[in-house]
């Protein structure tokens, strides 16, 4: 199912920055003729991500992001492949390796994906070894903030720590005077990391606008 251009722009918002952000990570050489990118998404729950990717690449190659109608790196052109990781840790690695093999065995210049924390973690281990920049639109695991383990990983959302969604949830509950909570989660990397971070923040010492606890 394809989305209209307007719908894609509205739904993408922060996600529209995928490819713009990846250039800052890649430090692309202006003499590079072609930049090979892999878009690795789960095509069931995040099917519109591919539309965002295609539109953004087309706009870049047509010079949309430059007032003079030239690409950001004047002599470069984006070439890409899209694949489905199914938000699965093993499938994400297999998908990347298949794209790498199709690229004559040469590592991609950059990876945009994946959406889920579990598959992003497994893929970030591989891209780190190959020194390939990886940008995730929505992976929130606090583990991915470890730059020693994942030096080539970046993301467009805050991690589930005190400054992110988990911290905001704790602050909200404390503001309403809650002193006890029960956490029910599904058996996914996202849920397990979210509940672990929430538990740490809930039980830890804090001083903020809601007071000390």
C-alpha atoms as a PDB file:
ATOM      1  CA  UNK A   1       0.000   0.000   0.000  1.00  0.00           C
ATOM      2  CA  UNK A   2       1.467   3.325  -1.068  1.00  0.00           C
ATOM      3  CA  UNK A   3       0.958   6.609   0.735  1.00  0.00           C
ATOM      4  CA  UNK A   4       0.430  10.009  -0.847  1.00  0.00           C
ATOM      5  CA  UNK A   5       3.351  12.422  -0.714  1.00  0.00           C
ATOM      6  CA  UNK A   6       1.535  14.627   1.805  1.00  0.00           C
ATOM      7  CA  UNK A   7       0.785  11.660   4.088  1.00  0.00           C
ATOM      8  CA  UNK A   8       4.400  10.539   3.981  1.00  0.00           C
ATOM      9  CA  UNK A   9       5.675  13.967   4.989  1.00  0.00           C
ATOM     10  CA  UNK A  10       3.140  14.265   7.801  1.00  0.00           C
ATOM     11  CA  UNK A  11       3.813  10.814   9.232  1.00  0.00           C
ATOM     12  CA  UNK A  12       7.580  11.011   8.876  1.00  0.00           C
ATOM     13  CA  UNK A  13       8.303  14.260  10.753  1.00  0.00           C
ATOM     14  CA  UNK A  14      11.464  13.363  12.719  1.00  0.00           C
ATOM     15  CA  UNK A  15      11.885  10.215  10.607  1.00  0.00           C
ATOM     16  CA  UNK A  16      12.380  12.382   7.536  1.00  0.00           C
ATOM     17  CA  UNK A  17      15.820  13.206   8.918  1.00  0.00           C
ATOM     18  CA  UNK A  18      17.113   9.652   8.305  1.00  0.00           C
ATOM     19  CA  UNK A  19      19.315  10.388   5.368  1.00  0.00           C
ATOM     20  CA  UNK A  20      20.281  13.901   6.387  1.00  0.00           C
ATOM     21  CA  UNK A  21      21.605  12.598   9.707  1.00  0.00           C
ATOM     22  CA  UNK A  22      23.506   9.747   8.149  1.00  0.00           C
ATOM     23  CA  UNK A  23      25.679  12.145   6.121  1.00  0.00           C
ATOM     24  CA  UNK A  24      27.006  13.673   9.326  1.00  0.00           C
ATOM     25  CA  UNK A  25      27.920  10.202  10.551  1.00  0.00           C
ATOM     26  CA  UNK A  26      29.380   9.026   7.264  1.00  0.00           C
ATOM     27  CA  UNK A  27      31.649  12.046   6.676  1.00  0.00           C
ATOM     28  CA  UNK A  28      31.182  11.415   2.964  1.00  0.00           C
ATOM     29  CA  UNK A  29      34.084  12.299   0.692  1.00  0.00           C
ATOM     30  CA  UNK A  30      32.918  14.723  -1.975  1.00  0.00           C
ATOM     31  CA  UNK A  31      34.745  12.809  -4.694  1.00  0.00           C
ATOM     32  CA  UNK A  32      32.699   9.660  -4.039  1.00  0.00           C
ATOM     33  CA  UNK A  33      30.598   9.014  -7.137  1.00  0.00           C
ATOM     34  CA  UNK A  34      28.075   6.686  -5.499  1.00  0.00           C
ATOM     35  CA  UNK A  35      27.041   6.131  -1.896  1.00  0.00           C
ATOM     36  CA  UNK A  36      25.539   2.727  -1.190  1.00  0.00           C
ATOM     37  CA  UNK A  37      22.889   2.679   1.533  1.00  0.00           C
ATOM     38  CA  UNK A  38      20.817  -0.131   2.987  1.00  0.00           C
ATOM     39  CA  UNK A  39      17.320   0.555   4.304  1.00  0.00           C
ATOM     40  CA  UNK A  40      16.502  -2.280   6.692  1.00  0.00           C
ATOM     41  CA  UNK A  41      12.978  -2.120   8.135  1.00  0.00           C
ATOM     42  CA  UNK A  42      10.201  -4.410   9.267  1.00  0.00           C
ATOM     43  CA  UNK A  43       7.865  -4.091   6.328  1.00  0.00           C
ATOM     44  CA  UNK A  44       4.715  -5.167   8.156  1.00  0.00           C
ATOM     45  CA  UNK A  45       4.448  -2.695  11.034  1.00  0.00           C
ATOM     46  CA  UNK A  46       6.646  -0.012   9.468  1.00  0.00           C
ATOM     47  CA  UNK A  47       5.695  -0.314   5.794  1.00  0.00           C
ATOM     48  CA  UNK A  48       5.549   3.457   5.284  1.00  0.00           C
ATOM     49  CA  UNK A  49       9.243   3.731   6.254  1.00  0.00           C
ATOM     50  CA  UNK A  50      10.173   2.528   2.791  1.00  0.00           C
ATOM     51  CA  UNK A  51       8.103   5.307   1.209  1.00  0.00           C
ATOM     52  CA  UNK A  52       9.930   7.882   3.325  1.00  0.00           C
ATOM     53  CA  UNK A  53      13.256   6.372   2.323  1.00  0.00           C
ATOM     54  CA  UNK A  54      12.490   6.375  -1.407  1.00  0.00           C
ATOM     55  CA  UNK A  55      11.107   9.915  -1.440  1.00  0.00           C
ATOM     56  CA  UNK A  56      14.019  11.297   0.572  1.00  0.00           C
ATOM     57  CA  UNK A  57      16.608   9.623  -1.660  1.00  0.00           C
ATOM     58  CA  UNK A  58      14.877  10.926  -4.791  1.00  0.00           C
ATOM     59  CA  UNK A  59      14.713  14.449  -3.374  1.00  0.00           C
ATOM     60  CA  UNK A  60      18.401  14.309  -2.429  1.00  0.00           C
ATOM     61  CA  UNK A  61      19.507  13.050  -5.823  1.00  0.00           C
ATOM     62  CA  UNK A  62      17.433  15.775  -7.508  1.00  0.00           C
ATOM     63  CA  UNK A  63      19.080  18.490  -5.400  1.00  0.00           C
ATOM     64  CA  UNK A  64      15.998  19.322  -3.293  1.00  0.00           C
ATOM     65  CA  UNK A  65      18.051  19.954  -0.138  1.00  0.00           C
ATOM     66  CA  UNK A  66      20.305  22.510  -1.798  1.00  0.00           C
ATOM     67  CA  UNK A  67      19.107  25.981  -2.798  1.00  0.00           C
ATOM     68  CA  UNK A  68      21.202  25.788  -5.948  1.00  0.00           C
ATOM     69  CA  UNK A  69      19.620  22.507  -7.000  1.00  0.00           C
ATOM     70  CA  UNK A  70      22.741  20.421  -6.416  1.00  0.00           C
ATOM     71  CA  UNK A  71      23.182  17.466  -4.084  1.00  0.00           C
ATOM     72  CA  UNK A  72      24.710  18.151  -0.669  1.00  0.00           C
ATOM     73  CA  UNK A  73      27.932  16.584  -1.857  1.00  0.00           C
ATOM     74  CA  UNK A  74      28.025  17.794  -5.423  1.00  0.00           C
ATOM     75  CA  UNK A  75      29.618  14.734  -7.005  1.00  0.00           C
ATOM     76  CA  UNK A  76      27.753  12.063  -5.056  1.00  0.00           C
ATOM     77  CA  UNK A  77      24.689  10.016  -5.921  1.00  0.00           C
ATOM     78  CA  UNK A  78      22.738   7.764  -3.577  1.00  0.00           C
ATOM     79  CA  UNK A  79      22.194   4.141  -4.505  1.00  0.00           C
ATOM     80  CA  UNK A  80      20.142   2.026  -2.121  1.00  0.00           C
ATOM     81  CA  UNK A  81      18.539  -1.313  -1.436  1.00  0.00           C
ATOM     82  CA  UNK A  82      15.570  -1.945   0.861  1.00  0.00           C
ATOM     83  CA  UNK A  83      15.057  -5.136   2.822  1.00  0.00           C
ATOM     84  CA  UNK A  84      12.857  -6.570   5.554  1.00  0.00           C
ATOM     85  CA  UNK A  85      14.388  -7.363   8.961  1.00  0.00           C
ATOM     86  CA  UNK A  86      11.011  -8.365  10.455  1.00  0.00           C
ATOM     87  CA  UNK A  87      12.256  -6.736  13.692  1.00  0.00           C
ATOM     88  CA  UNK A  88      14.091 -10.005  14.309  1.00  0.00           C
ATOM     89  CA  UNK A  89      17.628 -10.081  15.717  1.00  0.00           C
ATOM     90  CA  UNK A  90      18.835 -12.929  13.510  1.00  0.00           C
ATOM     91  CA  UNK A  91      16.987 -11.785  10.403  1.00  0.00           C
ATOM     92  CA  UNK A  92      18.515  -8.295  10.665  1.00  0.00           C
ATOM     93  CA  UNK A  93      22.031  -9.725  10.432  1.00  0.00           C
ATOM     94  CA  UNK A  94      21.083 -12.116   7.619  1.00  0.00           C
ATOM     95  CA  UNK A  95      19.412  -9.281   5.697  1.00  0.00           C
ATOM     96  CA  UNK A  96      22.458  -7.021   6.006  1.00  0.00           C
ATOM     97  CA  UNK A  97      24.782  -9.806   4.902  1.00  0.00           C
ATOM     98  CA  UNK A  98      22.607 -10.588   1.875  1.00  0.00           C
ATOM     99  CA  UNK A  99      22.754  -6.918   0.828  1.00  0.00           C
ATOM    100  CA  UNK A 100      26.498  -6.886   1.407  1.00  0.00           C
ATOM    101  CA  UNK A 101      26.896  -9.995  -0.741  1.00  0.00           C
ATOM    102  CA  UNK A 102      24.815  -8.415  -3.498  1.00  0.00           C
ATOM    103  CA  UNK A 103      27.144  -5.400  -3.300  1.00  0.00           C
ATOM    104  CA  UNK A 104      30.052  -7.562  -4.527  1.00  0.00           C
ATOM    105  CA  UNK A 105      30.966  -8.435  -0.936  1.00  0.00           C
ATOM    106  CA  UNK A 106      31.744  -4.811  -0.092  1.00  0.00           C
ATOM    107  CA  UNK A 107      30.251  -3.317   3.106  1.00  0.00           C
ATOM    108  CA  UNK A 108      27.538  -0.725   2.591  1.00  0.00           C
ATOM    109  CA  UNK A 109      28.459   2.929   3.165  1.00  0.00           C
ATOM    110  CA  UNK A 110      25.614   3.285   5.644  1.00  0.00           C
ATOM    111  CA  UNK A 111      22.556   1.558   7.084  1.00  0.00           C
ATOM    112  CA  UNK A 112      19.229   3.197   7.913  1.00  0.00           C
ATOM    113  CA  UNK A 113      17.420   0.918  10.390  1.00  0.00           C
ATOM    114  CA  UNK A 114      16.225  -1.001  12.127  1.00  0.00           C
ATOM    115  CA  UNK A 115      13.056   0.129  13.892  1.00  0.00           C
ATOM    116  CA  UNK A 116      13.207  -2.242  16.872  1.00  0.00           C
ATOM    117  CA  UNK A 117      15.759  -2.284  19.683  1.00  0.00           C
ATOM    118  CA  UNK A 118      16.548  -6.009  19.552  1.00  0.00           C
ATOM    119  CA  UNK A 119      17.340  -6.104  15.844  1.00  0.00           C
ATOM    120  CA  UNK A 120      19.202  -2.785  16.111  1.00  0.00           C
ATOM    121  CA  UNK A 121      21.415  -4.219  18.849  1.00  0.00           C
ATOM    122  CA  UNK A 122      22.365  -7.287  16.853  1.00  0.00           C
ATOM    123  CA  UNK A 123      22.925  -5.296  13.667  1.00  0.00           C
ATOM    124  CA  UNK A 124      24.943  -2.618  15.507  1.00  0.00           C
ATOM    125  CA  UNK A 125      27.441  -5.268  16.588  1.00  0.00           C
ATOM    126  CA  UNK A 126      28.052  -6.178  12.953  1.00  0.00           C
ATOM    127  CA  UNK A 127      28.105  -2.627  11.582  1.00  0.00           C
ATOM    128  CA  UNK A 128      30.501  -1.696  14.385  1.00  0.00           C
ATOM    129  CA  UNK A 129      32.929  -4.410  13.337  1.00  0.00           C
ATOM    130  CA  UNK A 130      32.696  -3.304   9.703  1.00  0.00           C
ATOM    131  CA  UNK A 131      32.824   0.401  10.640  1.00  0.00           C
ATOM    132  CA  UNK A 132      29.574   1.123   8.842  1.00  0.00           C
ATOM    133  CA  UNK A 133      27.426   4.012  10.074  1.00  0.00           C
ATOM    134  CA  UNK A 134      23.976   2.907  11.261  1.00  0.00           C
ATOM    135  CA  UNK A 135      21.044   5.222  12.023  1.00  0.00           C
ATOM    136  CA  UNK A 136      17.853   3.904  13.631  1.00  0.00           C
ATOM    137  CA  UNK A 137      14.611   5.894  13.523  1.00  0.00           C
ATOM    138  CA  UNK A 138      13.153   4.495  16.732  1.00  0.00           C
ATOM    139  CA  UNK A 139      15.356   2.031  18.666  1.00  0.00           C
ATOM    140  CA  UNK A 140      15.214   3.151  22.310  1.00  0.00           C
ATOM    141  CA  UNK A 141      17.275   0.599  24.248  1.00  0.00           C
ATOM    142  CA  UNK A 142      19.627   2.245  26.718  1.00  0.00           C
ATOM    143  CA  UNK A 143      22.237  -0.355  25.807  1.00  0.00           C
ATOM    144  CA  UNK A 144      22.704   1.321  22.425  1.00  0.00           C
ATOM    145  CA  UNK A 145      24.086   4.418  24.164  1.00  0.00           C
ATOM    146  CA  UNK A 146      27.291   2.503  24.921  1.00  0.00           C
ATOM    147  CA  UNK A 147      29.693   4.001  22.369  1.00  0.00           C
ATOM    148  CA  UNK A 148      32.435   1.561  23.298  1.00  0.00           C
ATOM    149  CA  UNK A 149      30.264  -1.364  22.160  1.00  0.00           C
ATOM    150  CA  UNK A 150      28.320   0.415  19.415  1.00  0.00           C
ATOM    151  CA  UNK A 151      30.617   3.174  18.108  1.00  0.00           C
ATOM    152  CA  UNK A 152      28.933   3.499  14.702  1.00  0.00           C
ATOM    153  CA  UNK A 153      25.338   3.558  15.908  1.00  0.00           C
ATOM    154  CA  UNK A 154      23.130   6.667  16.050  1.00  0.00           C
ATOM    155  CA  UNK A 155      19.388   7.195  16.456  1.00  0.00           C
ATOM    156  CA  UNK A 156      16.676   9.800  16.090  1.00  0.00           C
ATOM    157  CA  UNK A 157      14.932   9.181  19.428  1.00  0.00           C
ATOM    158  CA  UNK A 158      15.931   9.431  23.081  1.00  0.00           C
ATOM    159  CA  UNK A 159      16.846   6.217  24.921  1.00  0.00           C
ATOM    160  CA  UNK A 160      14.659   4.861  27.698  1.00  0.00           C
ATOM    161  CA  UNK A 161      16.628   6.465  30.496  1.00  0.00           C
ATOM    162  CA  UNK A 162      16.059   9.305  32.944  1.00  0.00           C
ATOM    163  CA  UNK A 163      16.017  11.862  30.122  1.00  0.00           C
ATOM    164  CA  UNK A 164      13.703   9.833  27.890  1.00  0.00           C
ATOM    165  CA  UNK A 165      10.279   8.239  27.954  1.00  0.00           C
ATOM    166  CA  UNK A 166      10.869   6.121  31.053  1.00  0.00           C
ATOM    167  CA  UNK A 167      12.063   9.133  33.027  1.00  0.00           C
ATOM    168  CA  UNK A 168       9.068  11.162  31.879  1.00  0.00           C
ATOM    169  CA  UNK A 169       6.718   8.361  32.930  1.00  0.00           C
ATOM    170  CA  UNK A 170       8.241   8.179  36.420  1.00  0.00           C
ATOM    171  CA  UNK A 171       8.058  11.955  36.830  1.00  0.00           C
ATOM    172  CA  UNK A 172       4.392  11.920  35.781  1.00  0.00           C
ATOM    173  CA  UNK A 173       3.460   9.122  38.191  1.00  0.00           C
ATOM    174  CA  UNK A 174       5.326  10.777  41.064  1.00  0.00           C
ATOM    175  CA  UNK A 175       3.623  14.085  40.298  1.00  0.00           C
ATOM    176  CA  UNK A 176       0.280  12.342  40.842  1.00  0.00           C
ATOM    177  CA  UNK A 177       1.495  10.892  44.123  1.00  0.00           C
ATOM    178  CA  UNK A 178       1.905   7.259  43.062  1.00  0.00           C
ATOM    179  CA  UNK A 179       4.193   5.265  45.341  1.00  0.00           C
ATOM    180  CA  UNK A 180       3.738   1.749  43.954  1.00  0.00           C
ATOM    181  CA  UNK A 181       3.452   0.374  40.411  1.00  0.00           C
ATOM    182  CA  UNK A 182       3.236  -3.031  38.714  1.00  0.00           C
ATOM    183  CA  UNK A 183       4.955  -3.534  35.364  1.00  0.00           C
ATOM    184  CA  UNK A 184       3.551  -5.978  32.806  1.00  0.00           C
ATOM    185  CA  UNK A 185       5.570  -6.462  29.609  1.00  0.00           C
ATOM    186  CA  UNK A 186       5.745  -8.591  26.510  1.00  0.00           C
ATOM    187  CA  UNK A 187       8.781 -10.767  25.787  1.00  0.00           C
ATOM    188  CA  UNK A 188      10.545  -8.394  23.391  1.00  0.00           C
ATOM    189  CA  UNK A 189      13.863  -6.571  23.705  1.00  0.00           C
ATOM    190  CA  UNK A 190      12.046  -3.250  23.630  1.00  0.00           C
ATOM    191  CA  UNK A 191       9.706  -4.198  26.487  1.00  0.00           C
ATOM    192  CA  UNK A 192      12.399  -5.810  28.602  1.00  0.00           C
ATOM    193  CA  UNK A 193      14.736  -2.823  28.286  1.00  0.00           C
ATOM    194  CA  UNK A 194      11.898  -0.367  28.900  1.00  0.00           C
ATOM    195  CA  UNK A 195      10.756  -2.142  32.068  1.00  0.00           C
ATOM    196  CA  UNK A 196      14.326  -2.495  33.351  1.00  0.00           C
ATOM    197  CA  UNK A 197      15.052   1.203  32.855  1.00  0.00           C
ATOM    198  CA  UNK A 198      11.706   2.197  34.364  1.00  0.00           C
ATOM    199  CA  UNK A 199      12.388   0.046  37.415  1.00  0.00           C
ATOM    200  CA  UNK A 200      15.849   1.557  37.903  1.00  0.00           C
ATOM    201  CA  UNK A 201      14.535   5.097  37.667  1.00  0.00           C
ATOM    202  CA  UNK A 202      11.561   4.376  39.917  1.00  0.00           C
ATOM    203  CA  UNK A 203      13.668   2.966  42.740  1.00  0.00           C
ATOM    204  CA  UNK A 204      16.657   5.295  42.398  1.00  0.00           C
ATOM    205  CA  UNK A 205      17.282   8.562  44.279  1.00  0.00           C
ATOM    206  CA  UNK A 206      16.045  11.671  42.490  1.00  0.00           C
ATOM    207  CA  UNK A 207      15.623  15.377  42.973  1.00  0.00           C
ATOM    208  CA  UNK A 208      13.452  17.082  40.416  1.00  0.00           C
ATOM    209  CA  UNK A 209      10.340  19.242  40.183  1.00  0.00           C
ATOM    210  CA  UNK A 210       8.221  16.506  41.764  1.00  0.00           C
ATOM    211  CA  UNK A 211      10.436  16.415  44.857  1.00  0.00           C
ATOM    212  CA  UNK A 212      12.948  13.948  46.284  1.00  0.00           C
ATOM    213  CA  UNK A 213      12.228  10.228  46.612  1.00  0.00           C
END
